[in-house]
Amino acid sequence: MYISRILDGISEHYIRITIIDSAMEDKLMNNPYYAKAIEFIQTHDLNALENGKHILDGENLYVNIVDSDMKTPQQARLEVHDKYIDIQVPLSKEETFGVKPRSECKIPDGEMNTVKDILFFKDPVEETKTIAPGEAVTFAPDTAHAPLIGEGKIHKAIFKVKVI
């Protein structure tokens, strides 16, 4: 289920957020690192950040600014994380994400990499959600997501928010 929420931001920067999976919404809103990430998105120009990792609260919250090649839906792989919530913000163009409940993913592609906190699945991308530049999408650990669906290159921000 998709929930779109317009946050009452104090600035014009990136104030629309989409939360994938309504069951997680209350838990997310009670996570202080998630709240800190949303505040950062609302009050900073993410395009002004240099590419690379920016520490916002130790290993509890950081953001990676990246330029990545986009993929076809067939090339994109569903992924999940255990330790971190992803907040992804496409900056240069719209980005499509494959989405699927983690519990419905049946074909793991290897084991969970506990160092990188990522597990990929070979399940096909069947459902997608397109996010406009400057909008944010949240993926909690119970939702698999296949990022980078589109054409060309994209400049984006990926916030990693520690699960509590």
N, C-alpha and C. Protein backbone atom coordinates (compact mmCIF):
# COMPACT_ATOMS: atom_id res chain seq x y z
N MET A 1 0.85 -1.17 0.00
CA MET A 1 0.00 0.00 0.00
C MET A 1 0.89 1.23 0.00
N TYR A 2 0.51 2.23 -0.73
CA TYR A 2 1.27 3.46 -0.79
C TYR A 2 0.58 4.54 0.02
N ILE A 3 1.38 5.30 0.72
CA ILE A 3 0.85 6.45 1.43
C ILE A 3 1.69 7.64 1.01
N SER A 4 1.06 8.67 0.52
CA SER A 4 1.77 9.91 0.21
C SER A 4 1.44 10.90 1.31
N ARG A 5 2.46 11.54 1.79
CA ARG A 5 2.26 12.50 2.86
C ARG A 5 2.98 13.79 2.48
N ILE A 6 2.30 14.88 2.61
CA ILE A 6 2.94 16.17 2.42
C ILE A 6 3.34 16.66 3.81
N LEU A 7 4.63 16.82 4.02
CA LEU A 7 5.13 17.27 5.31
C LEU A 7 5.01 18.78 5.39
N ASP A 8 4.75 19.29 6.57
CA ASP A 8 4.67 20.73 6.77
C ASP A 8 6.08 21.26 6.99
N GLY A 9 6.81 21.41 5.91
CA GLY A 9 8.20 21.84 5.98
C GLY A 9 8.34 23.32 6.19
N ILE A 10 9.50 23.69 6.70
CA ILE A 10 9.77 25.10 6.92
C ILE A 10 10.52 25.71 5.74
N SER A 11 10.85 24.88 4.76
CA SER A 11 11.51 25.42 3.58
C SER A 11 10.90 24.79 2.34
N GLU A 12 11.33 25.25 1.20
CA GLU A 12 10.82 24.71 -0.05
C GLU A 12 11.56 23.47 -0.51
N HIS A 13 12.61 23.09 0.20
CA HIS A 13 13.45 21.97 -0.22
C HIS A 13 12.81 20.62 0.11
N TYR A 14 12.45 19.86 -0.90
CA TYR A 14 12.14 18.44 -0.75
C TYR A 14 11.15 18.14 0.38
N ILE A 15 9.94 18.63 0.28
CA ILE A 15 9.01 18.43 1.39
C ILE A 15 7.96 17.36 1.12
N ARG A 16 7.98 16.72 -0.03
CA ARG A 16 7.03 15.64 -0.27
C ARG A 16 7.74 14.32 -0.05
N ILE A 17 7.11 13.45 0.70
CA ILE A 17 7.70 12.14 0.98
C ILE A 17 6.66 11.06 0.77
N THR A 18 7.10 9.96 0.21
CA THR A 18 6.24 8.80 0.03
C THR A 18 6.78 7.69 0.91
N ILE A 19 5.91 7.11 1.72
CA ILE A 19 6.29 5.99 2.58
C ILE A 19 5.69 4.74 1.97
N ILE A 20 6.55 3.77 1.67
CA ILE A 20 6.08 2.51 1.13
C ILE A 20 5.77 1.61 2.33
N ASP A 21 4.56 1.15 2.46
CA ASP A 21 4.07 0.26 3.51
C ASP A 21 3.53 1.04 4.70
N SER A 22 2.24 1.19 4.73
CA SER A 22 1.57 1.98 5.76
C SER A 22 1.76 1.41 7.16
N ALA A 23 1.96 0.12 7.29
CA ALA A 23 2.13 -0.48 8.61
C ALA A 23 3.36 0.07 9.32
N MET A 24 4.34 0.53 8.59
CA MET A 24 5.57 1.03 9.19
C MET A 24 5.51 2.52 9.52
N GLU A 25 4.48 3.22 9.08
CA GLU A 25 4.47 4.68 9.21
C GLU A 25 4.62 5.14 10.65
N ASP A 26 3.85 4.60 11.59
CA ASP A 26 3.94 5.03 12.98
C ASP A 26 5.32 4.75 13.56
N LYS A 27 5.88 3.58 13.25
CA LYS A 27 7.20 3.23 13.76
C LYS A 27 8.26 4.19 13.22
N LEU A 28 8.15 4.52 11.94
CA LEU A 28 9.10 5.46 11.34
C LEU A 28 9.01 6.83 12.00
N MET A 29 7.81 7.30 12.21
CA MET A 29 7.63 8.63 12.77
C MET A 29 8.13 8.71 14.21
N ASN A 30 8.30 7.57 14.89
CA ASN A 30 8.81 7.56 16.26
C ASN A 30 10.31 7.29 16.32
N ASN A 31 10.96 7.16 15.17
CA ASN A 31 12.41 6.94 15.12
C ASN A 31 13.09 8.31 15.08
N PRO A 32 13.88 8.67 16.11
CA PRO A 32 14.49 10.00 16.13
C PRO A 32 15.46 10.25 14.97
N TYR A 33 16.09 9.21 14.47
CA TYR A 33 17.02 9.38 13.34
C TYR A 33 16.24 9.64 12.05
N TYR A 34 15.09 9.01 11.92
CA TYR A 34 14.23 9.26 10.77
C TYR A 34 13.75 10.72 10.79
N ALA A 35 13.32 11.16 11.96
CA ALA A 35 12.87 12.56 12.10
C ALA A 35 14.00 13.52 11.76
N LYS A 36 15.21 13.19 12.18
CA LYS A 36 16.37 14.04 11.90
C LYS A 36 16.67 14.07 10.40
N ALA A 37 16.52 12.92 9.73
CA ALA A 37 16.73 12.86 8.28
C ALA A 37 15.71 13.72 7.55
N ILE A 38 14.45 13.62 7.94
CA ILE A 38 13.40 14.41 7.29
C ILE A 38 13.65 15.90 7.51
N GLU A 39 14.07 16.26 8.70
CA GLU A 39 14.38 17.67 8.97
C GLU A 39 15.54 18.14 8.09
N PHE A 40 16.56 17.30 7.93
CA PHE A 40 17.71 17.65 7.08
C PHE A 40 17.25 17.85 5.63
N ILE A 41 16.41 16.95 5.15
CA ILE A 41 15.90 17.06 3.78
C ILE A 41 15.12 18.36 3.60
N GLN A 42 14.34 18.72 4.62
CA GLN A 42 13.51 19.92 4.55
C GLN A 42 14.32 21.21 4.61
N THR A 43 15.48 21.17 5.23
CA THR A 43 16.20 22.42 5.51
C THR A 43 17.51 22.58 4.75
N HIS A 44 17.86 21.62 3.90
CA HIS A 44 19.12 21.69 3.16
C HIS A 44 18.90 21.49 1.66
N ASP A 45 19.73 22.13 0.89
CA ASP A 45 19.73 21.93 -0.55
C ASP A 45 20.65 20.75 -0.85
N LEU A 46 20.06 19.59 -1.11
CA LEU A 46 20.85 18.37 -1.33
C LEU A 46 21.72 18.47 -2.57
N ASN A 47 21.32 19.28 -3.54
CA ASN A 47 22.14 19.47 -4.73
C ASN A 47 23.45 20.18 -4.43
N ALA A 48 23.53 20.88 -3.31
CA ALA A 48 24.75 21.60 -2.94
C ALA A 48 25.79 20.68 -2.29
N LEU A 49 25.40 19.48 -1.93
CA LEU A 49 26.34 18.54 -1.29
C LEU A 49 27.23 17.88 -2.34
N GLU A 50 28.49 17.70 -1.99
CA GLU A 50 29.43 16.98 -2.86
C GLU A 50 29.07 15.50 -2.89
N ASN A 51 29.43 14.83 -3.97
CA ASN A 51 29.26 13.39 -4.02
C ASN A 51 30.08 12.74 -2.90
N GLY A 52 29.54 11.66 -2.34
CA GLY A 52 30.22 10.93 -1.28
C GLY A 52 29.34 10.78 -0.05
N LYS A 53 29.93 10.25 1.00
CA LYS A 53 29.22 9.97 2.24
C LYS A 53 29.32 11.17 3.17
N HIS A 54 28.16 11.59 3.70
CA HIS A 54 28.09 12.71 4.63
C HIS A 54 27.49 12.19 5.94
N ILE A 55 28.27 12.22 7.00
CA ILE A 55 27.83 11.73 8.31
C ILE A 55 26.98 12.80 8.97
N LEU A 56 25.77 12.44 9.36
CA LEU A 56 24.86 13.38 10.03
C LEU A 56 24.71 13.07 11.51
N ASP A 57 24.84 11.79 11.89
CA ASP A 57 24.77 11.37 13.29
C ASP A 57 25.48 10.02 13.42
N GLY A 58 26.78 10.03 13.24
CA GLY A 58 27.57 8.80 13.32
C GLY A 58 27.03 7.74 12.37
N GLU A 59 27.01 6.51 12.80
CA GLU A 59 26.46 5.42 11.99
C GLU A 59 24.95 5.30 12.13
N ASN A 60 24.36 6.21 12.91
CA ASN A 60 22.90 6.22 13.06
C ASN A 60 22.20 6.87 11.87
N LEU A 61 22.89 7.81 11.22
CA LEU A 61 22.29 8.54 10.12
C LEU A 61 23.38 9.14 9.25
N TYR A 62 23.34 8.78 7.97
CA TYR A 62 24.24 9.40 7.01
C TYR A 62 23.56 9.42 5.65
N VAL A 63 24.14 10.21 4.74
CA VAL A 63 23.60 10.31 3.40
C VAL A 63 24.73 10.12 2.40
N ASN A 64 24.45 9.33 1.38
CA ASN A 64 25.36 9.17 0.25
C ASN A 64 24.80 9.96 -0.92
N ILE A 65 25.63 10.83 -1.49
CA ILE A 65 25.27 11.57 -2.70
C ILE A 65 26.00 10.87 -3.84
N VAL A 66 25.24 10.41 -4.83
CA VAL A 66 25.84 9.57 -5.88
C VAL A 66 25.33 9.96 -7.26
N ASP A 67 26.12 9.60 -8.25
CA ASP A 67 25.72 9.62 -9.65
C ASP A 67 25.73 8.17 -10.10
N SER A 68 24.62 7.68 -10.63
CA SER A 68 24.51 6.26 -10.98
C SER A 68 23.89 6.08 -12.36
N ASP A 69 24.27 4.99 -13.01
CA ASP A 69 23.64 4.60 -14.26
C ASP A 69 22.30 3.96 -13.95
N MET A 70 21.31 4.30 -14.75
CA MET A 70 19.98 3.73 -14.55
C MET A 70 19.85 2.42 -15.32
N LYS A 71 18.82 1.65 -15.01
CA LYS A 71 18.65 0.30 -15.53
C LYS A 71 17.24 0.10 -16.06
N THR A 72 17.08 -0.97 -16.82
CA THR A 72 15.74 -1.39 -17.22
C THR A 72 15.11 -2.14 -16.05
N PRO A 73 13.80 -2.30 -16.03
CA PRO A 73 13.18 -3.10 -14.97
C PRO A 73 13.74 -4.53 -14.91
N GLN A 74 14.12 -5.06 -16.06
CA GLN A 74 14.66 -6.42 -16.08
C GLN A 74 16.07 -6.49 -15.47
N GLN A 75 16.82 -5.41 -15.56
CA GLN A 75 18.17 -5.38 -14.99
C GLN A 75 18.16 -5.04 -13.50
N ALA A 76 17.16 -4.31 -13.05
CA ALA A 76 17.09 -3.87 -11.66
C ALA A 76 16.85 -5.07 -10.74
N ARG A 77 17.53 -5.06 -9.59
CA ARG A 77 17.37 -6.15 -8.63
C ARG A 77 16.72 -5.63 -7.35
N LEU A 78 15.75 -6.39 -6.87
CA LEU A 78 15.14 -6.07 -5.59
C LEU A 78 16.17 -6.26 -4.49
N GLU A 79 16.15 -5.37 -3.51
CA GLU A 79 17.09 -5.44 -2.39
C GLU A 79 16.35 -5.11 -1.10
N VAL A 80 16.89 -5.62 0.01
CA VAL A 80 16.37 -5.30 1.34
C VAL A 80 17.55 -5.04 2.27
N HIS A 81 17.23 -4.38 3.38
CA HIS A 81 18.22 -4.06 4.40
C HIS A 81 17.63 -4.43 5.76
N ASP A 82 18.47 -4.84 6.70
CA ASP A 82 18.02 -5.17 8.05
C ASP A 82 18.29 -4.05 9.05
N LYS A 83 19.45 -3.41 8.94
CA LYS A 83 19.89 -2.45 9.94
C LYS A 83 19.49 -1.01 9.64
N TYR A 84 19.18 -0.75 8.37
CA TYR A 84 18.91 0.63 7.96
C TYR A 84 17.62 0.76 7.16
N ILE A 85 16.97 1.89 7.34
CA ILE A 85 15.86 2.35 6.53
C ILE A 85 16.48 3.20 5.42
N ASP A 86 16.02 3.04 4.21
CA ASP A 86 16.47 3.89 3.11
C ASP A 86 15.48 5.03 2.89
N ILE A 87 16.00 6.24 2.75
CA ILE A 87 15.23 7.36 2.22
C ILE A 87 15.98 7.78 0.97
N GLN A 88 15.34 7.63 -0.18
CA GLN A 88 16.01 7.95 -1.44
C GLN A 88 15.35 9.18 -2.06
N VAL A 89 16.20 10.09 -2.52
CA VAL A 89 15.74 11.35 -3.11
C VAL A 89 16.40 11.53 -4.47
N PRO A 90 15.68 11.28 -5.56
CA PRO A 90 16.25 11.60 -6.87
C PRO A 90 16.39 13.12 -6.99
N LEU A 91 17.53 13.57 -7.49
CA LEU A 91 17.78 15.00 -7.56
C LEU A 91 17.73 15.55 -8.99
N SER A 92 18.29 14.82 -9.94
CA SER A 92 18.43 15.36 -11.29
C SER A 92 17.28 15.01 -12.22
N LYS A 93 16.54 13.96 -11.90
CA LYS A 93 15.45 13.51 -12.76
C LYS A 93 14.59 12.53 -12.00
N GLU A 94 13.45 12.16 -12.57
CA GLU A 94 12.58 11.18 -11.89
C GLU A 94 13.25 9.81 -11.90
N GLU A 95 12.87 9.02 -10.91
CA GLU A 95 13.41 7.67 -10.77
C GLU A 95 12.26 6.73 -10.47
N THR A 96 12.29 5.58 -11.11
CA THR A 96 11.29 4.56 -10.85
C THR A 96 11.92 3.48 -9.98
N PHE A 97 11.13 3.00 -9.04
CA PHE A 97 11.57 1.96 -8.11
C PHE A 97 10.64 0.76 -8.24
N GLY A 98 11.21 -0.43 -8.33
CA GLY A 98 10.41 -1.63 -8.16
C GLY A 98 10.14 -1.79 -6.68
N VAL A 99 8.95 -2.25 -6.31
CA VAL A 99 8.61 -2.45 -4.90
C VAL A 99 7.89 -3.78 -4.73
N LYS A 100 8.17 -4.41 -3.60
CA LYS A 100 7.52 -5.68 -3.29
C LYS A 100 7.67 -5.93 -1.79
N PRO A 101 6.63 -6.40 -1.12
CA PRO A 101 6.80 -6.76 0.29
C PRO A 101 7.91 -7.80 0.43
N ARG A 102 8.76 -7.61 1.40
CA ARG A 102 9.88 -8.53 1.62
C ARG A 102 9.37 -9.96 1.80
N SER A 103 8.26 -10.11 2.49
CA SER A 103 7.71 -11.44 2.77
C SER A 103 7.29 -12.18 1.50
N GLU A 104 7.09 -11.45 0.41
CA GLU A 104 6.69 -12.07 -0.85
C GLU A 104 7.87 -12.36 -1.77
N CYS A 105 9.07 -11.94 -1.39
CA CYS A 105 10.27 -12.23 -2.18
C CYS A 105 10.69 -13.67 -1.90
N LYS A 106 10.80 -14.46 -2.95
CA LYS A 106 11.03 -15.90 -2.78
C LYS A 106 12.36 -16.41 -3.33
N ILE A 107 13.08 -15.58 -4.12
CA ILE A 107 14.29 -16.09 -4.78
C ILE A 107 15.50 -15.23 -4.37
N PRO A 108 16.11 -15.51 -3.19
CA PRO A 108 17.28 -14.73 -2.79
C PRO A 108 18.44 -14.96 -3.75
N ASP A 109 19.23 -13.92 -3.94
CA ASP A 109 20.42 -13.99 -4.78
C ASP A 109 21.63 -13.96 -3.84
N GLY A 110 21.89 -15.07 -3.17
CA GLY A 110 22.95 -15.15 -2.18
C GLY A 110 22.41 -14.96 -0.78
N GLU A 111 23.31 -14.63 0.13
CA GLU A 111 22.99 -14.42 1.54
C GLU A 111 23.01 -12.93 1.87
N MET A 112 22.45 -12.59 3.03
CA MET A 112 22.52 -11.20 3.51
C MET A 112 23.99 -10.86 3.73
N ASN A 113 24.45 -9.78 3.12
CA ASN A 113 25.78 -9.25 3.38
C ASN A 113 25.66 -8.36 4.61
N THR A 114 26.07 -8.87 5.76
CA THR A 114 25.87 -8.14 7.01
C THR A 114 26.76 -6.91 7.12
N VAL A 115 27.88 -6.90 6.42
CA VAL A 115 28.76 -5.73 6.44
C VAL A 115 28.12 -4.59 5.67
N LYS A 116 27.61 -4.88 4.48
CA LYS A 116 26.98 -3.86 3.64
C LYS A 116 25.48 -3.73 3.90
N ASP A 117 24.93 -4.59 4.75
CA ASP A 117 23.51 -4.59 5.09
C ASP A 117 22.64 -4.62 3.83
N ILE A 118 22.85 -5.67 3.02
CA ILE A 118 22.05 -5.78 1.79
C ILE A 118 21.88 -7.24 1.40
N LEU A 119 20.69 -7.56 0.96
CA LEU A 119 20.35 -8.86 0.40
C LEU A 119 19.58 -8.60 -0.88
N PHE A 120 20.03 -9.20 -1.97
CA PHE A 120 19.36 -9.06 -3.26
C PHE A 120 18.45 -10.25 -3.52
N PHE A 121 17.45 -10.01 -4.36
CA PHE A 121 16.54 -11.07 -4.78
C PHE A 121 16.50 -11.12 -6.30
N LYS A 122 16.26 -12.32 -6.82
CA LYS A 122 16.11 -12.52 -8.27
C LYS A 122 14.65 -12.41 -8.71
N ASP A 123 13.75 -12.19 -7.78
CA ASP A 123 12.33 -12.04 -8.13
C ASP A 123 12.18 -10.93 -9.16
N PRO A 124 11.28 -11.09 -10.12
CA PRO A 124 11.08 -10.03 -11.11
C PRO A 124 10.39 -8.81 -10.50
N VAL A 125 10.70 -7.65 -11.07
CA VAL A 125 10.03 -6.41 -10.67
C VAL A 125 8.65 -6.42 -11.33
N GLU A 126 7.60 -6.43 -10.51
CA GLU A 126 6.24 -6.49 -11.03
C GLU A 126 5.45 -5.21 -10.76
N GLU A 127 5.83 -4.47 -9.73
CA GLU A 127 5.13 -3.24 -9.37
C GLU A 127 6.16 -2.13 -9.23
N THR A 128 5.83 -0.94 -9.72
CA THR A 128 6.77 0.17 -9.64
C THR A 128 6.10 1.42 -9.09
N LYS A 129 6.94 2.32 -8.61
CA LYS A 129 6.52 3.63 -8.12
C LYS A 129 7.52 4.64 -8.65
N THR A 130 7.05 5.68 -9.34
CA THR A 130 7.93 6.70 -9.89
C THR A 130 7.93 7.92 -8.98
N ILE A 131 9.13 8.39 -8.67
CA ILE A 131 9.32 9.51 -7.76
C ILE A 131 9.94 10.68 -8.53
N ALA A 132 9.34 11.84 -8.40
CA ALA A 132 9.82 13.04 -9.10
C ALA A 132 11.08 13.57 -8.44
N PRO A 133 11.87 14.35 -9.18
CA PRO A 133 13.05 14.96 -8.58
C PRO A 133 12.66 15.82 -7.38
N GLY A 134 13.42 15.68 -6.30
CA GLY A 134 13.14 16.44 -5.09
C GLY A 134 12.15 15.81 -4.16
N GLU A 135 11.48 14.75 -4.58
CA GLU A 135 10.61 14.01 -3.67
C GLU A 135 11.42 12.92 -3.01
N ALA A 136 10.96 12.47 -1.86
CA ALA A 136 11.66 11.43 -1.11
C ALA A 136 10.77 10.20 -0.99
N VAL A 137 11.41 9.04 -1.06
CA VAL A 137 10.69 7.79 -0.87
C VAL A 137 11.39 7.01 0.23
N THR A 138 10.62 6.40 1.12
CA THR A 138 11.15 5.66 2.26
C THR A 138 10.91 4.17 2.07
N PHE A 139 11.96 3.39 2.29
CA PHE A 139 11.86 1.93 2.24
C PHE A 139 12.31 1.38 3.59
N ALA A 140 11.37 0.85 4.35
CA ALA A 140 11.68 0.20 5.62
C ALA A 140 12.17 -1.22 5.34
N PRO A 141 12.75 -1.89 6.34
CA PRO A 141 13.29 -3.24 6.12
C PRO A 141 12.28 -4.27 5.62
N ASP A 142 11.00 -4.03 5.79
CA ASP A 142 10.01 -5.01 5.35
C ASP A 142 9.57 -4.82 3.90
N THR A 143 10.22 -3.88 3.19
CA THR A 143 9.87 -3.63 1.80
C THR A 143 11.10 -3.77 0.92
N ALA A 144 11.03 -4.67 -0.06
CA ALA A 144 12.10 -4.79 -1.05
C ALA A 144 11.92 -3.69 -2.08
N HIS A 145 13.05 -3.19 -2.56
CA HIS A 145 13.00 -2.13 -3.56
C HIS A 145 14.10 -2.35 -4.59
N ALA A 146 13.77 -1.98 -5.83
CA ALA A 146 14.73 -2.06 -6.94
C ALA A 146 14.91 -0.64 -7.46
N PRO A 147 16.00 0.03 -7.04
CA PRO A 147 16.20 1.42 -7.44
C PRO A 147 16.76 1.53 -8.86
N LEU A 148 16.87 2.78 -9.30
CA LEU A 148 17.59 3.14 -10.52
C LEU A 148 16.93 2.68 -11.82
N ILE A 149 15.61 2.54 -11.82
CA ILE A 149 14.94 2.17 -13.06
C ILE A 149 14.67 3.45 -13.87
N GLY A 150 15.18 3.47 -15.08
CA GLY A 150 15.04 4.62 -15.95
C GLY A 150 16.13 4.60 -17.01
N GLU A 151 16.34 5.72 -17.65
CA GLU A 151 17.34 5.82 -18.72
C GLU A 151 18.39 6.86 -18.37
N GLY A 152 19.62 6.62 -18.79
CA GLY A 152 20.70 7.58 -18.60
C GLY A 152 21.32 7.49 -17.22
N LYS A 153 21.77 8.63 -16.73
CA LYS A 153 22.37 8.73 -15.40
C LYS A 153 21.47 9.54 -14.49
N ILE A 154 21.65 9.34 -13.20
CA ILE A 154 20.88 10.10 -12.22
C ILE A 154 21.80 10.56 -11.09
N HIS A 155 21.54 11.74 -10.58
CA HIS A 155 22.19 12.29 -9.40
C HIS A 155 21.16 12.18 -8.28
N LYS A 156 21.54 11.55 -7.16
CA LYS A 156 20.55 11.30 -6.12
C LYS A 156 21.18 11.26 -4.74
N ALA A 157 20.32 11.33 -3.74
CA ALA A 157 20.71 11.22 -2.34
C ALA A 157 20.09 9.96 -1.76
N ILE A 158 20.90 9.20 -1.02
CA ILE A 158 20.42 7.99 -0.35
C ILE A 158 20.73 8.14 1.14
N PHE A 159 19.69 8.36 1.93
CA PHE A 159 19.86 8.46 3.38
C PHE A 159 19.77 7.06 3.97
N LYS A 160 20.66 6.76 4.90
CA LYS A 160 20.65 5.51 5.64
C LYS A 160 20.32 5.85 7.09
N VAL A 161 19.17 5.35 7.56
CA VAL A 161 18.64 5.68 8.87
C VAL A 161 18.62 4.39 9.70
N LYS A 162 19.32 4.40 10.82
CA LYS A 162 19.40 3.21 11.67
C LYS A 162 18.03 2.81 12.18
N VAL A 163 17.73 1.53 12.09
CA VAL A 163 16.50 0.98 12.66
C VAL A 163 16.65 0.92 14.17
N ILE A 164 15.63 1.36 14.87
CA ILE A 164 15.67 1.25 16.34
C ILE A 164 14.52 0.39 16.82
